[in-house]
C-alpha atoms as a PDB file:
ATOM      1  CA  UNK A   1     215.327 -15.848 104.527  1.00  0.00           C
ATOM      2  CA  UNK A   2     211.792 -16.202 103.161  1.00  0.00           C
ATOM      3  CA  UNK A   3     211.069 -18.669 105.661  1.00  0.00           C
ATOM      4  CA  UNK A   4     212.819 -16.595 107.992  1.00  0.00           C
ATOM      5  CA  UNK A   5     210.234 -13.967 107.154  1.00  0.00           C
ATOM      6  CA  UNK A   6     207.091 -16.224 107.495  1.00  0.00           C
ATOM      7  CA  UNK A   7     208.395 -17.135 111.103  1.00  0.00           C
ATOM      8  CA  UNK A   8     209.101 -13.256 112.125  1.00  0.00           C
ATOM      9  CA  UNK A   9     205.390 -12.467 110.259  1.00  0.00           C
ATOM     10  CA  UNK A  10     203.620 -15.424 112.348  1.00  0.00           C
ATOM     11  CA  UNK A  11     205.476 -15.005 115.642  1.00  0.00           C
ATOM     12  CA  UNK A  12     205.453 -11.576 116.060  1.00  0.00           C
ATOM     13  CA  UNK A  13     202.327  -9.045 116.943  1.00  0.00           C
ATOM     14  CA  UNK A  14     200.900  -6.630 114.822  1.00  0.00           C
ATOM     15  CA  UNK A  15     202.305  -3.786 117.637  1.00  0.00           C
ATOM     16  CA  UNK A  16     205.256  -2.459 116.422  1.00  0.00           C
ATOM     17  CA  UNK A  17     205.924  -1.812 120.207  1.00  0.00           C
ATOM     18  CA  UNK A  18     206.404  -5.419 120.553  1.00  0.00           C
ATOM     19  CA  UNK A  19     209.083  -5.584 118.075  1.00  0.00           C
ATOM     20  CA  UNK A  20     212.549  -5.780 118.948  1.00  0.00           C
ATOM     21  CA  UNK A  21     215.317  -3.973 117.189  1.00  0.00           C
ATOM     22  CA  UNK A  22     216.479  -7.236 115.898  1.00  0.00           C
ATOM     23  CA  UNK A  23     213.190  -8.323 114.655  1.00  0.00           C
ATOM     24  CA  UNK A  24     212.593  -4.560 112.758  1.00  0.00           C
ATOM     25  CA  UNK A  25     216.111  -5.542 111.184  1.00  0.00           C
ATOM     26  CA  UNK A  26     214.832  -8.732 109.810  1.00  0.00           C
ATOM     27  CA  UNK A  27     211.393  -7.343 108.856  1.00  0.00           C
ATOM     28  CA  UNK A  28     213.712  -4.800 106.268  1.00  0.00           C
ATOM     29  CA  UNK A  29     215.782  -7.476 104.926  1.00  0.00           C
ATOM     30  CA  UNK A  30     212.773  -9.953 104.272  1.00  0.00           C
ATOM     31  CA  UNK A  31     210.558  -6.784 102.592  1.00  0.00           C
ATOM     32  CA  UNK A  32     213.814  -6.257 100.478  1.00  0.00           C
ATOM     33  CA  UNK A  33     214.384  -9.732  99.589  1.00  0.00           C
ATOM     34  CA  UNK A  34     210.594 -10.219  98.825  1.00  0.00           C
ATOM     35  CA  UNK A  35     210.964  -7.387  96.442  1.00  0.00           C
ATOM     36  CA  UNK A  36     213.043  -8.836  94.113  1.00  0.00           C
ATOM     37  CA  UNK A  37     212.304 -10.495  90.825  1.00  0.00           C
ATOM     38  CA  UNK A  38     213.632 -14.215  91.180  1.00  0.00           C
ATOM     39  CA  UNK A  39     214.387 -14.891  87.585  1.00  0.00           C
ATOM     40  CA  UNK A  40     215.476 -18.519  86.518  1.00  0.00           C
ATOM     41  CA  UNK A  41     216.549 -17.265  82.888  1.00  0.00           C
ATOM     42  CA  UNK A  42     218.657 -14.646  81.393  1.00  0.00           C
ATOM     43  CA  UNK A  43     217.348 -12.267  79.393  1.00  0.00           C
ATOM     44  CA  UNK A  44     217.520 -14.109  75.953  1.00  0.00           C
ATOM     45  CA  UNK A  45     216.141 -17.358  77.381  1.00  0.00           C
ATOM     46  CA  UNK A  46     213.620 -15.662  79.994  1.00  0.00           C
ATOM     47  CA  UNK A  47     210.422 -15.733  77.266  1.00  0.00           C
ATOM     48  CA  UNK A  48     208.921 -19.277  76.282  1.00  0.00           C
ATOM     49  CA  UNK A  49     208.753 -18.103  72.666  1.00  0.00           C
ATOM     50  CA  UNK A  50     212.527 -17.754  72.289  1.00  0.00           C
ATOM     51  CA  UNK A  51     213.383 -20.685  73.977  1.00  0.00           C
ATOM     52  CA  UNK A  52     210.605 -22.825  71.840  1.00  0.00           C
ATOM     53  CA  UNK A  53     212.382 -20.628  68.557  1.00  0.00           C
ATOM     54  CA  UNK A  54     215.565 -21.958  69.559  1.00  0.00           C
ATOM     55  CA  UNK A  55     214.614 -25.320  69.843  1.00  0.00           C
ATOM     56  CA  UNK A  56     212.801 -25.361  66.671  1.00  0.00           C
ATOM     57  CA  UNK A  57     215.637 -24.035  64.705  1.00  0.00           C
ATOM     58  CA  UNK A  58     217.777 -26.518  66.658  1.00  0.00           C
ATOM     59  CA  UNK A  59     215.494 -29.606  64.714  1.00  0.00           C
ATOM     60  CA  UNK A  60     216.741 -27.695  61.632  1.00  0.00           C
ATOM     61  CA  UNK A  61     220.154 -27.876  62.384  1.00  0.00           C
ATOM     62  CA  UNK A  62     220.423 -24.280  62.704  1.00  0.00           C
ATOM     63  CA  UNK A  63     220.359 -21.487  65.083  1.00  0.00           C
ATOM     64  CA  UNK A  64     217.576 -18.796  65.709  1.00  0.00           C
ATOM     65  CA  UNK A  65     218.275 -15.046  65.517  1.00  0.00           C
ATOM     66  CA  UNK A  66     215.812 -14.065  68.808  1.00  0.00           C
ATOM     67  CA  UNK A  67     215.502 -10.435  67.063  1.00  0.00           C
ATOM     68  CA  UNK A  68     213.915 -12.106  63.696  1.00  0.00           C
ATOM     69  CA  UNK A  69     213.305 -15.300  64.650  1.00  0.00           C
ATOM     70  CA  UNK A  70     214.806 -16.532  61.535  1.00  0.00           C
ATOM     71  CA  UNK A  71     216.693 -20.043  61.714  1.00  0.00           C
ATOM     72  CA  UNK A  72     220.811 -19.396  60.058  1.00  0.00           C
ATOM     73  CA  UNK A  73     223.118 -22.432  59.324  1.00  0.00           C
ATOM     74  CA  UNK A  74     225.570 -22.277  62.271  1.00  0.00           C
ATOM     75  CA  UNK A  75     228.844 -20.170  61.667  1.00  0.00           C
ATOM     76  CA  UNK A  76     227.449 -18.435  58.518  1.00  0.00           C
ATOM     77  CA  UNK A  77     226.624 -14.443  58.859  1.00  0.00           C
ATOM     78  CA  UNK A  78     222.925 -15.009  59.790  1.00  0.00           C
ATOM     79  CA  UNK A  79     221.984 -12.084  61.273  1.00  0.00           C
ATOM     80  CA  UNK A  80     224.776 -10.485  62.160  1.00  0.00           C
ATOM     81  CA  UNK A  81     226.704  -7.632  61.044  1.00  0.00           C
ATOM     82  CA  UNK A  82     229.374  -8.001  58.514  1.00  0.00           C
ATOM     83  CA  UNK A  83     232.615  -9.774  59.389  1.00  0.00           C
ATOM     84  CA  UNK A  84     230.536 -11.796  62.240  1.00  0.00           C
ATOM     85  CA  UNK A  85     229.570 -15.335  62.035  1.00  0.00           C
ATOM     86  CA  UNK A  86     226.144 -16.584  64.204  1.00  0.00           C
ATOM     87  CA  UNK A  87     227.230 -19.437  66.617  1.00  0.00           C
ATOM     88  CA  UNK A  88     225.721 -20.891  69.718  1.00  0.00           C
ATOM     89  CA  UNK A  89     226.458 -19.118  73.217  1.00  0.00           C
ATOM     90  CA  UNK A  90     227.799 -21.909  75.273  1.00  0.00           C
ATOM     91  CA  UNK A  91     227.168 -19.756  78.296  1.00  0.00           C
ATOM     92  CA  UNK A  92     223.618 -19.510  77.467  1.00  0.00           C
ATOM     93  CA  UNK A  93     221.342 -21.465  79.419  1.00  0.00           C
ATOM     94  CA  UNK A  94     218.647 -21.900  76.175  1.00  0.00           C
ATOM     95  CA  UNK A  95     222.011 -22.103  74.115  1.00  0.00           C
ATOM     96  CA  UNK A  96     221.034 -18.979  72.307  1.00  0.00           C
ATOM     97  CA  UNK A  97     222.592 -17.652  69.388  1.00  0.00           C
ATOM     98  CA  UNK A  98     225.668 -14.961  69.726  1.00  0.00           C
ATOM     99  CA  UNK A  99     227.483 -12.719  67.018  1.00  0.00           C
ATOM    100  CA  UNK A 100     231.292 -13.617  66.907  1.00  0.00           C
ATOM    101  CA  UNK A 101     233.774 -11.802  64.994  1.00  0.00           C
ATOM    102  CA  UNK A 102     235.237 -13.283  61.688  1.00  0.00           C
ATOM    103  CA  UNK A 103     237.617 -10.828  60.300  1.00  0.00           C
ATOM    104  CA  UNK A 104     241.787 -11.414  58.989  1.00  0.00           C
ATOM    105  CA  UNK A 105     244.367  -9.826  61.119  1.00  0.00           C
ATOM    106  CA  UNK A 106     243.853  -6.487  59.375  1.00  0.00           C
ATOM    107  CA  UNK A 107     240.565  -6.503  60.473  1.00  0.00           C
ATOM    108  CA  UNK A 108     239.106  -7.113  57.228  1.00  0.00           C
ATOM    109  CA  UNK A 109     235.542  -9.084  57.147  1.00  0.00           C
ATOM    110  CA  UNK A 110     235.952 -12.608  55.844  1.00  0.00           C
ATOM    111  CA  UNK A 111     233.412 -13.430  52.926  1.00  0.00           C
ATOM    112  CA  UNK A 112     230.535 -16.194  53.610  1.00  0.00           C
ATOM    113  CA  UNK A 113     232.062 -19.723  53.575  1.00  0.00           C
ATOM    114  CA  UNK A 114     235.602 -18.515  54.819  1.00  0.00           C
ATOM    115  CA  UNK A 115     236.880 -18.706  58.688  1.00  0.00           C
ATOM    116  CA  UNK A 116     239.402 -16.719  60.366  1.00  0.00           C
ATOM    117  CA  UNK A 117     242.288 -18.834  60.969  1.00  0.00           C
ATOM    118  CA  UNK A 118     245.672 -17.467  62.289  1.00  0.00           C
ATOM    119  CA  UNK A 119     245.060 -13.900  60.914  1.00  0.00           C
ATOM    120  CA  UNK A 120     243.559 -15.425  57.622  1.00  0.00           C
ATOM    121  CA  UNK A 121     240.084 -15.974  55.979  1.00  0.00           C
ATOM    122  CA  UNK A 122     240.652 -19.697  54.655  1.00  0.00           C
ATOM    123  CA  UNK A 123     237.462 -21.724  53.089  1.00  0.00           C
ATOM    124  CA  UNK A 124     235.452 -23.750  55.573  1.00  0.00           C
ATOM    125  CA  UNK A 125     236.505 -27.475  55.179  1.00  0.00           C
ATOM    126  CA  UNK A 126     240.170 -26.580  53.647  1.00  0.00           C
ATOM    127  CA  UNK A 127     243.150 -29.055  53.505  1.00  0.00           C
ATOM    128  CA  UNK A 128     245.561 -27.006  52.705  1.00  0.00           C
ATOM    129  CA  UNK A 129     245.538 -24.638  55.805  1.00  0.00           C
ATOM    130  CA  UNK A 130     245.522 -27.456  57.618  1.00  0.00           C
ATOM    131  CA  UNK A 131     248.693 -29.336  55.831  1.00  0.00           C
ATOM    132  CA  UNK A 132     252.354 -28.942  56.322  1.00  0.00           C
ATOM    133  CA  UNK A 133     255.754 -30.685  55.128  1.00  0.00           C
ATOM    134  CA  UNK A 134     256.400 -32.878  57.865  1.00  0.00           C
ATOM    135  CA  UNK A 135     255.567 -36.794  58.144  1.00  0.00           C
ATOM    136  CA  UNK A 136     254.377 -38.292  60.927  1.00  0.00           C
ATOM    137  CA  UNK A 137     255.932 -41.453  61.953  1.00  0.00           C
ATOM    138  CA  UNK A 138     252.731 -44.137  60.884  1.00  0.00           C
ATOM    139  CA  UNK A 139     252.759 -43.348  56.986  1.00  0.00           C
ATOM    140  CA  UNK A 140     253.433 -47.080  56.072  1.00  0.00           C
ATOM    141  CA  UNK A 141     250.759 -49.013  54.426  1.00  0.00           C
ATOM    142  CA  UNK A 142     250.815 -53.073  54.631  1.00  0.00           C
ATOM    143  CA  UNK A 143     252.436 -54.598  51.278  1.00  0.00           C
ATOM    144  CA  UNK A 144     249.929 -56.980  50.894  1.00  0.00           C
ATOM    145  CA  UNK A 145     246.721 -56.136  51.922  1.00  0.00           C
ATOM    146  CA  UNK A 146     246.516 -52.288  52.045  1.00  0.00           C
ATOM    147  CA  UNK A 147     245.674 -52.878  56.084  1.00  0.00           C
ATOM    148  CA  UNK A 148     249.001 -52.723  57.635  1.00  0.00           C
ATOM    149  CA  UNK A 149     249.110 -51.447  61.398  1.00  0.00           C
ATOM    150  CA  UNK A 150     251.147 -48.142  60.559  1.00  0.00           C
ATOM    151  CA  UNK A 151     247.962 -46.795  58.585  1.00  0.00           C
ATOM    152  CA  UNK A 152     247.322 -43.641  61.303  1.00  0.00           C
ATOM    153  CA  UNK A 153     247.533 -40.064  59.550  1.00  0.00           C
ATOM    154  CA  UNK A 154     250.587 -38.297  62.101  1.00  0.00           C
ATOM    155  CA  UNK A 155     249.872 -35.869  64.617  1.00  0.00           C
ATOM    156  CA  UNK A 156     251.918 -33.585  62.476  1.00  0.00           C
ATOM    157  CA  UNK A 157     251.007 -33.712  58.929  1.00  0.00           C
ATOM    158  CA  UNK A 158     247.498 -32.434  58.421  1.00  0.00           C
ATOM    159  CA  UNK A 159     246.662 -35.337  56.706  1.00  0.00           C
ATOM    160  CA  UNK A 160     242.952 -36.382  57.233  1.00  0.00           C
ATOM    161  CA  UNK A 161     242.076 -32.835  58.843  1.00  0.00           C
ATOM    162  CA  UNK A 162     239.920 -29.841  57.906  1.00  0.00           C
ATOM    163  CA  UNK A 163     239.602 -26.483  58.642  1.00  0.00           C
ATOM    164  CA  UNK A 164     235.867 -26.486  60.612  1.00  0.00           C
ATOM    165  CA  UNK A 165     234.255 -24.521  63.273  1.00  0.00           C
ATOM    166  CA  UNK A 166     232.302 -25.956  65.762  1.00  0.00           C
ATOM    167  CA  UNK A 167     228.710 -25.136  66.862  1.00  0.00           C
ATOM    168  CA  UNK A 168     230.491 -22.477  69.255  1.00  0.00           C
ATOM    169  CA  UNK A 169     232.732 -20.774  66.692  1.00  0.00           C
ATOM    170  CA  UNK A 170     236.117 -22.221  67.544  1.00  0.00           C
ATOM    171  CA  UNK A 171     238.261 -22.870  64.671  1.00  0.00           C
ATOM    172  CA  UNK A 172     240.593 -25.325  64.298  1.00  0.00           C
ATOM    173  CA  UNK A 173     241.885 -28.536  62.050  1.00  0.00           C
ATOM    174  CA  UNK A 174     239.810 -31.415  62.694  1.00  0.00           C
ATOM    175  CA  UNK A 175     240.054 -35.237  61.500  1.00  0.00           C
ATOM    176  CA  UNK A 176     237.148 -34.850  58.770  1.00  0.00           C
ATOM    177  CA  UNK A 177     234.162 -37.408  60.002  1.00  0.00           C
ATOM    178  CA  UNK A 178     232.105 -36.862  56.846  1.00  0.00           C
ATOM    179  CA  UNK A 179     235.448 -38.151  54.875  1.00  0.00           C
ATOM    180  CA  UNK A 180     235.263 -41.412  56.935  1.00  0.00           C
ATOM    181  CA  UNK A 181     238.414 -40.287  59.480  1.00  0.00           C
ATOM    182  CA  UNK A 182     238.070 -41.103  63.299  1.00  0.00           C
ATOM    183  CA  UNK A 183     240.176 -38.937  65.432  1.00  0.00           C
ATOM    184  CA  UNK A 184     242.243 -41.134  67.944  1.00  0.00           C
ATOM    185  CA  UNK A 185     244.133 -38.809  70.347  1.00  0.00           C
ATOM    186  CA  UNK A 186     244.948 -36.020  67.691  1.00  0.00           C
ATOM    187  CA  UNK A 187     245.687 -38.670  65.091  1.00  0.00           C
ATOM    188  CA  UNK A 188     243.244 -39.118  61.922  1.00  0.00           C
ATOM    189  CA  UNK A 189     242.701 -42.772  61.055  1.00  0.00           C
ATOM    190  CA  UNK A 190     240.081 -43.794  57.991  1.00  0.00           C
ATOM    191  CA  UNK A 191     237.031 -45.864  59.542  1.00  0.00           C
ATOM    192  CA  UNK A 192     237.437 -49.805  58.315  1.00  0.00           C
ATOM    193  CA  UNK A 193     240.644 -49.632  58.125  1.00  0.00           C
ATOM    194  CA  UNK A 194     243.324 -51.529  60.632  1.00  0.00           C
ATOM    195  CA  UNK A 195     244.498 -48.289  62.325  1.00  0.00           C
ATOM    196  CA  UNK A 196     245.679 -48.486  65.463  1.00  0.00           C
ATOM    197  CA  UNK A 197     243.685 -51.650  66.127  1.00  0.00           C
ATOM    198  CA  UNK A 198     245.531 -55.255  66.276  1.00  0.00           C
ATOM    199  CA  UNK A 199     246.394 -57.259  63.015  1.00  0.00           C
ATOM    200  CA  UNK A 200     242.999 -58.697  62.196  1.00  0.00           C
ATOM    201  CA  UNK A 201     241.213 -55.939  63.476  1.00  0.00           C
ATOM    202  CA  UNK A 202     239.849 -52.579  61.857  1.00  0.00           C
ATOM    203  CA  UNK A 203     238.590 -49.446  63.569  1.00  0.00           C
ATOM    204  CA  UNK A 204     235.247 -48.729  63.694  1.00  0.00           C
ATOM    205  CA  UNK A 205     233.440 -45.554  64.770  1.00  0.00           C
ATOM    206  CA  UNK A 206     231.608 -46.034  67.976  1.00  0.00           C
ATOM    207  CA  UNK A 207     229.036 -43.029  68.603  1.00  0.00           C
ATOM    208  CA  UNK A 208     229.962 -39.835  67.331  1.00  0.00           C
ATOM    209  CA  UNK A 209     233.151 -39.427  68.459  1.00  0.00           C
ATOM    210  CA  UNK A 210     234.087 -42.699  70.172  1.00  0.00           C
ATOM    211  CA  UNK A 211     236.149 -45.804  68.409  1.00  0.00           C
ATOM    212  CA  UNK A 212     236.522 -49.429  68.911  1.00  0.00           C
ATOM    213  CA  UNK A 213     238.381 -52.404  66.931  1.00  0.00           C
ATOM    214  CA  UNK A 214     236.409 -54.811  65.523  1.00  0.00           C
ATOM    215  CA  UNK A 215     237.905 -58.749  64.296  1.00  0.00           C
ATOM    216  CA  UNK A 216     237.973 -58.570  60.421  1.00  0.00           C
ATOM    217  CA  UNK A 217     240.557 -61.168  59.316  1.00  0.00           C
ATOM    218  CA  UNK A 218     238.463 -64.458  60.602  1.00  0.00           C
ATOM    219  CA  UNK A 219     235.540 -63.236  58.714  1.00  0.00           C
ATOM    220  CA  UNK A 220     236.441 -61.160  55.838  1.00  0.00           C
ATOM    221  CA  UNK A 221     239.738 -62.582  55.008  1.00  0.00           C
ATOM    222  CA  UNK A 222     243.547 -61.201  53.999  1.00  0.00           C
ATOM    223  CA  UNK A 223     242.945 -57.826  51.799  1.00  0.00           C
ATOM    224  CA  UNK A 224     239.323 -57.145  52.699  1.00  0.00           C
ATOM    225  CA  UNK A 225     237.560 -54.725  55.301  1.00  0.00           C
ATOM    226  CA  UNK A 226     234.323 -55.164  56.347  1.00  0.00           C
ATOM    227  CA  UNK A 227     232.057 -52.062  54.850  1.00  0.00           C
ATOM    228  CA  UNK A 228     229.250 -50.120  56.500  1.00  0.00           C
ATOM    229  CA  UNK A 229     226.725 -52.136  54.593  1.00  0.00           C
ATOM    230  CA  UNK A 230     228.109 -55.450  56.518  1.00  0.00           C
ATOM    231  CA  UNK A 231     229.925 -57.175  53.578  1.00  0.00           C
ATOM    232  CA  UNK A 232     233.341 -57.526  52.890  1.00  0.00           C
ATOM    233  CA  UNK A 233     235.531 -55.875  50.171  1.00  0.00           C
ATOM    234  CA  UNK A 234     238.682 -55.745  48.402  1.00  0.00           C
ATOM    235  CA  UNK A 235     240.611 -52.793  49.175  1.00  0.00           C
ATOM    236  CA  UNK A 236     242.550 -51.262  46.278  1.00  0.00           C
ATOM    237  CA  UNK A 237     245.918 -50.088  47.376  1.00  0.00           C
ATOM    238  CA  UNK A 238     247.701 -47.054  45.916  1.00  0.00           C
ATOM    239  CA  UNK A 239     250.647 -47.073  48.278  1.00  0.00           C
ATOM    240  CA  UNK A 240     250.039 -43.543  49.137  1.00  0.00           C
ATOM    241  CA  UNK A 241     247.925 -42.640  52.279  1.00  0.00           C
ATOM    242  CA  UNK A 242     244.216 -41.934  51.982  1.00  0.00           C
ATOM    243  CA  UNK A 243     243.476 -38.055  52.324  1.00  0.00           C
ATOM    244  CA  UNK A 244     240.353 -38.126  50.900  1.00  0.00           C
ATOM    245  CA  UNK A 245     237.459 -40.471  51.307  1.00  0.00           C
ATOM    246  CA  UNK A 246     236.669 -44.208  50.658  1.00  0.00           C
ATOM    247  CA  UNK A 247     234.040 -45.254  48.225  1.00  0.00           C
ATOM    248  CA  UNK A 248     232.845 -48.262  46.648  1.00  0.00           C
ATOM    249  CA  UNK A 249     233.774 -48.696  43.197  1.00  0.00           C
ATOM    250  CA  UNK A 250     232.539 -50.853  40.433  1.00  0.00           C
ATOM    251  CA  UNK A 251     235.239 -53.687  39.455  1.00  0.00           C
ATOM    252  CA  UNK A 252     234.150 -54.125  36.040  1.00  0.00           C
ATOM    253  CA  UNK A 253     234.291 -50.125  35.054  1.00  0.00           C
ATOM    254  CA  UNK A 254     236.977 -48.885  37.570  1.00  0.00           C
ATOM    255  CA  UNK A 255     234.362 -46.174  37.886  1.00  0.00           C
ATOM    256  CA  UNK A 256     232.277 -44.441  40.960  1.00  0.00           C
ATOM    257  CA  UNK A 257     228.704 -45.986  39.890  1.00  0.00           C
ATOM    258  CA  UNK A 258     226.213 -42.964  39.672  1.00  0.00           C
ATOM    259  CA  UNK A 259     223.471 -45.503  39.424  1.00  0.00           C
ATOM    260  CA  UNK A 260     222.787 -49.034  40.880  1.00  0.00           C
ATOM    261  CA  UNK A 261     224.743 -52.209  39.644  1.00  0.00           C
ATOM    262  CA  UNK A 262     222.289 -54.923  38.491  1.00  0.00           C
ATOM    263  CA  UNK A 263     223.184 -58.110  40.368  1.00  0.00           C
ATOM    264  CA  UNK A 264     222.117 -61.057  38.829  1.00  0.00           C
ATOM    265  CA  UNK A 265     221.254 -64.704  40.608  1.00  0.00           C
ATOM    266  CA  UNK A 266     224.686 -65.633  40.280  1.00  0.00           C
ATOM    267  CA  UNK A 267     226.346 -62.849  41.088  1.00  0.00           C
ATOM    268  CA  UNK A 268     227.942 -61.649  44.518  1.00  0.00           C
ATOM    269  CA  UNK A 269     228.067 -58.107  45.505  1.00  0.00           C
ATOM    270  CA  UNK A 270     231.337 -58.480  47.012  1.00  0.00           C
ATOM    271  CA  UNK A 271     232.900 -59.384  43.900  1.00  0.00           C
ATOM    272  CA  UNK A 272     231.143 -56.492  41.957  1.00  0.00           C
ATOM    273  CA  UNK A 273     232.575 -53.852  43.966  1.00  0.00           C
ATOM    274  CA  UNK A 274     236.093 -52.976  45.729  1.00  0.00           C
ATOM    275  CA  UNK A 275     237.074 -50.121  48.156  1.00  0.00           C
ATOM    276  CA  UNK A 276     238.694 -47.230  46.871  1.00  0.00           C
ATOM    277  CA  UNK A 277     240.088 -43.490  47.902  1.00  0.00           C
ATOM    278  CA  UNK A 278     239.207 -40.680  46.205  1.00  0.00           C
ATOM    279  CA  UNK A 279     239.771 -37.157  46.468  1.00  0.00           C
ATOM    280  CA  UNK A 280     237.046 -35.670  44.923  1.00  0.00           C
ATOM    281  CA  UNK A 281     233.803 -35.194  45.683  1.00  0.00           C
ATOM    282  CA  UNK A 282     231.980 -37.464  43.135  1.00  0.00           C
ATOM    283  CA  UNK A 283     228.711 -37.673  44.026  1.00  0.00           C
ATOM    284  CA  UNK A 284     226.802 -34.564  44.081  1.00  0.00           C
ATOM    285  CA  UNK A 285     223.298 -34.228  45.514  1.00  0.00           C
ATOM    286  CA  UNK A 286     221.577 -34.079  42.322  1.00  0.00           C
ATOM    287  CA  UNK A 287     223.240 -36.885  41.070  1.00  0.00           C
ATOM    288  CA  UNK A 288     223.854 -39.364  44.152  1.00  0.00           C
ATOM    289  CA  UNK A 289     221.590 -42.304  44.671  1.00  0.00           C
ATOM    290  CA  UNK A 290     221.782 -44.229  47.994  1.00  0.00           C
ATOM    291  CA  UNK A 291     221.581 -47.592  46.621  1.00  0.00           C
ATOM    292  CA  UNK A 292     224.933 -48.938  45.394  1.00  0.00           C
ATOM    293  CA  UNK A 293     223.481 -52.193  43.819  1.00  0.00           C
ATOM    294  CA  UNK A 294     219.971 -53.891  43.238  1.00  0.00           C
ATOM    295  CA  UNK A 295     218.763 -56.908  43.125  1.00  0.00           C
ATOM    296  CA  UNK A 296     218.178 -57.657  38.695  1.00  0.00           C
ATOM    297  CA  UNK A 297     215.083 -59.679  39.150  1.00  0.00           C
ATOM    298  CA  UNK A 298     212.728 -57.866  41.961  1.00  0.00           C
ATOM    299  CA  UNK A 299     214.566 -54.327  42.441  1.00  0.00           C
ATOM    300  CA  UNK A 300     215.750 -55.063  46.046  1.00  0.00           C
ATOM    301  CA  UNK A 301     218.298 -52.566  47.037  1.00  0.00           C
ATOM    302  CA  UNK A 302     221.388 -54.988  48.463  1.00  0.00           C
ATOM    303  CA  UNK A 303     224.162 -52.095  49.288  1.00  0.00           C
ATOM    304  CA  UNK A 304     222.943 -48.911  50.950  1.00  0.00           C
ATOM    305  CA  UNK A 305     225.359 -45.540  51.239  1.00  0.00           C
ATOM    306  CA  UNK A 306     225.434 -42.268  52.678  1.00  0.00           C
ATOM    307  CA  UNK A 307     226.335 -39.144  50.557  1.00  0.00           C
ATOM    308  CA  UNK A 308     229.173 -36.281  52.195  1.00  0.00           C
ATOM    309  CA  UNK A 309     226.274 -34.030  52.900  1.00  0.00           C
ATOM    310  CA  UNK A 310     224.223 -36.493  54.471  1.00  0.00           C
ATOM    311  CA  UNK A 311     227.770 -37.449  56.668  1.00  0.00           C
ATOM    312  CA  UNK A 312     227.790 -33.837  57.457  1.00  0.00           C
ATOM    313  CA  UNK A 313     224.093 -33.311  58.318  1.00  0.00           C
ATOM    314  CA  UNK A 314     224.499 -36.892  60.432  1.00  0.00           C
ATOM    315  CA  UNK A 315     227.589 -35.086  62.455  1.00  0.00           C
ATOM    316  CA  UNK A 316     226.154 -31.782  62.753  1.00  0.00           C
ATOM    317  CA  UNK A 317     222.933 -33.567  64.145  1.00  0.00           C
ATOM    318  CA  UNK A 318     224.939 -35.351  66.602  1.00  0.00           C
ATOM    319  CA  UNK A 319     226.340 -32.198  67.999  1.00  0.00           C
ATOM    320  CA  UNK A 320     223.110 -30.414  68.281  1.00  0.00           C
ATOM    321  CA  UNK A 321     221.608 -33.707  70.176  1.00  0.00           C
ATOM    322  CA  UNK A 322     224.656 -32.983  72.305  1.00  0.00           C
ATOM    323  CA  UNK A 323     222.922 -29.827  73.646  1.00  0.00           C
ATOM    324  CA  UNK A 324     219.684 -30.349  73.519  1.00  0.00           C
ATOM    325  CA  UNK A 325     219.576 -34.614  74.404  1.00  0.00           C
ATOM    326  CA  UNK A 326     216.118 -34.075  74.993  1.00  0.00           C
ATOM    327  CA  UNK A 327     214.748 -33.271  71.834  1.00  0.00           C
ATOM    328  CA  UNK A 328     216.550 -36.113  69.613  1.00  0.00           C
END
């Protein structure tokens, strides 16, 4: 229609007597069209200052309250009223925030750090909210290596899953990525274990949500897995499925090393640690050291590790990057 308006304007005489009835109709339509403001953005996204603030908060792994320009943790109360959570509006072009209800079946607001799930207020990252009494098919552990083929935590058991809300506020039981679990068609497998892979292989995370199988037996030997630092460690077998997090433990003390272990010139890092399942968060923010082992003579860090908090931040960053890939 805009091009038609131009054609009508250029192809007709200013003398209104020369306008046909059709010309007059198109002229009215053109004037009406030109009077309409063309807006590429919705109300909350129209201002550049709003769009910029949203990006600034995203870089901090938070969402923006466009009323106050404050940044808030996603799924927190934020700038919302009591009984609501601040989340990303998936229908917004610029991914602005919105408030959604967070109340139990009786309409009572859920406290901060809790999520409304099946009509009840549950703790975020709750394990009990995702458990039931059924046992899935894949519960066997290899007798000799702890890396048996049937190491998946079945779909119906809830093992490996935690109650979490995504960026858009949807609450469900998910495989806990920050605890090292990988989601394979709804079943949770511990990364670095055999999982659904063939004998002599272990499952490894490929990207944020993908996974792949990598060969290990030929390079690590039986009973050992290749850890995130590239070394092969012995797995301490408990005979039960690990519903927590695998960590490097010092062989000598049998404890999680809060400080880096000193490695002499005659020692191998692989012989000083083994991989063990733990259900507790053994490394708080104040005591965590990202280096597990250091060379005694040079002080060089020989084995690095991530804290659960860092794992959570990395996972959250990956989610935000899916929304604004140009900013990552």
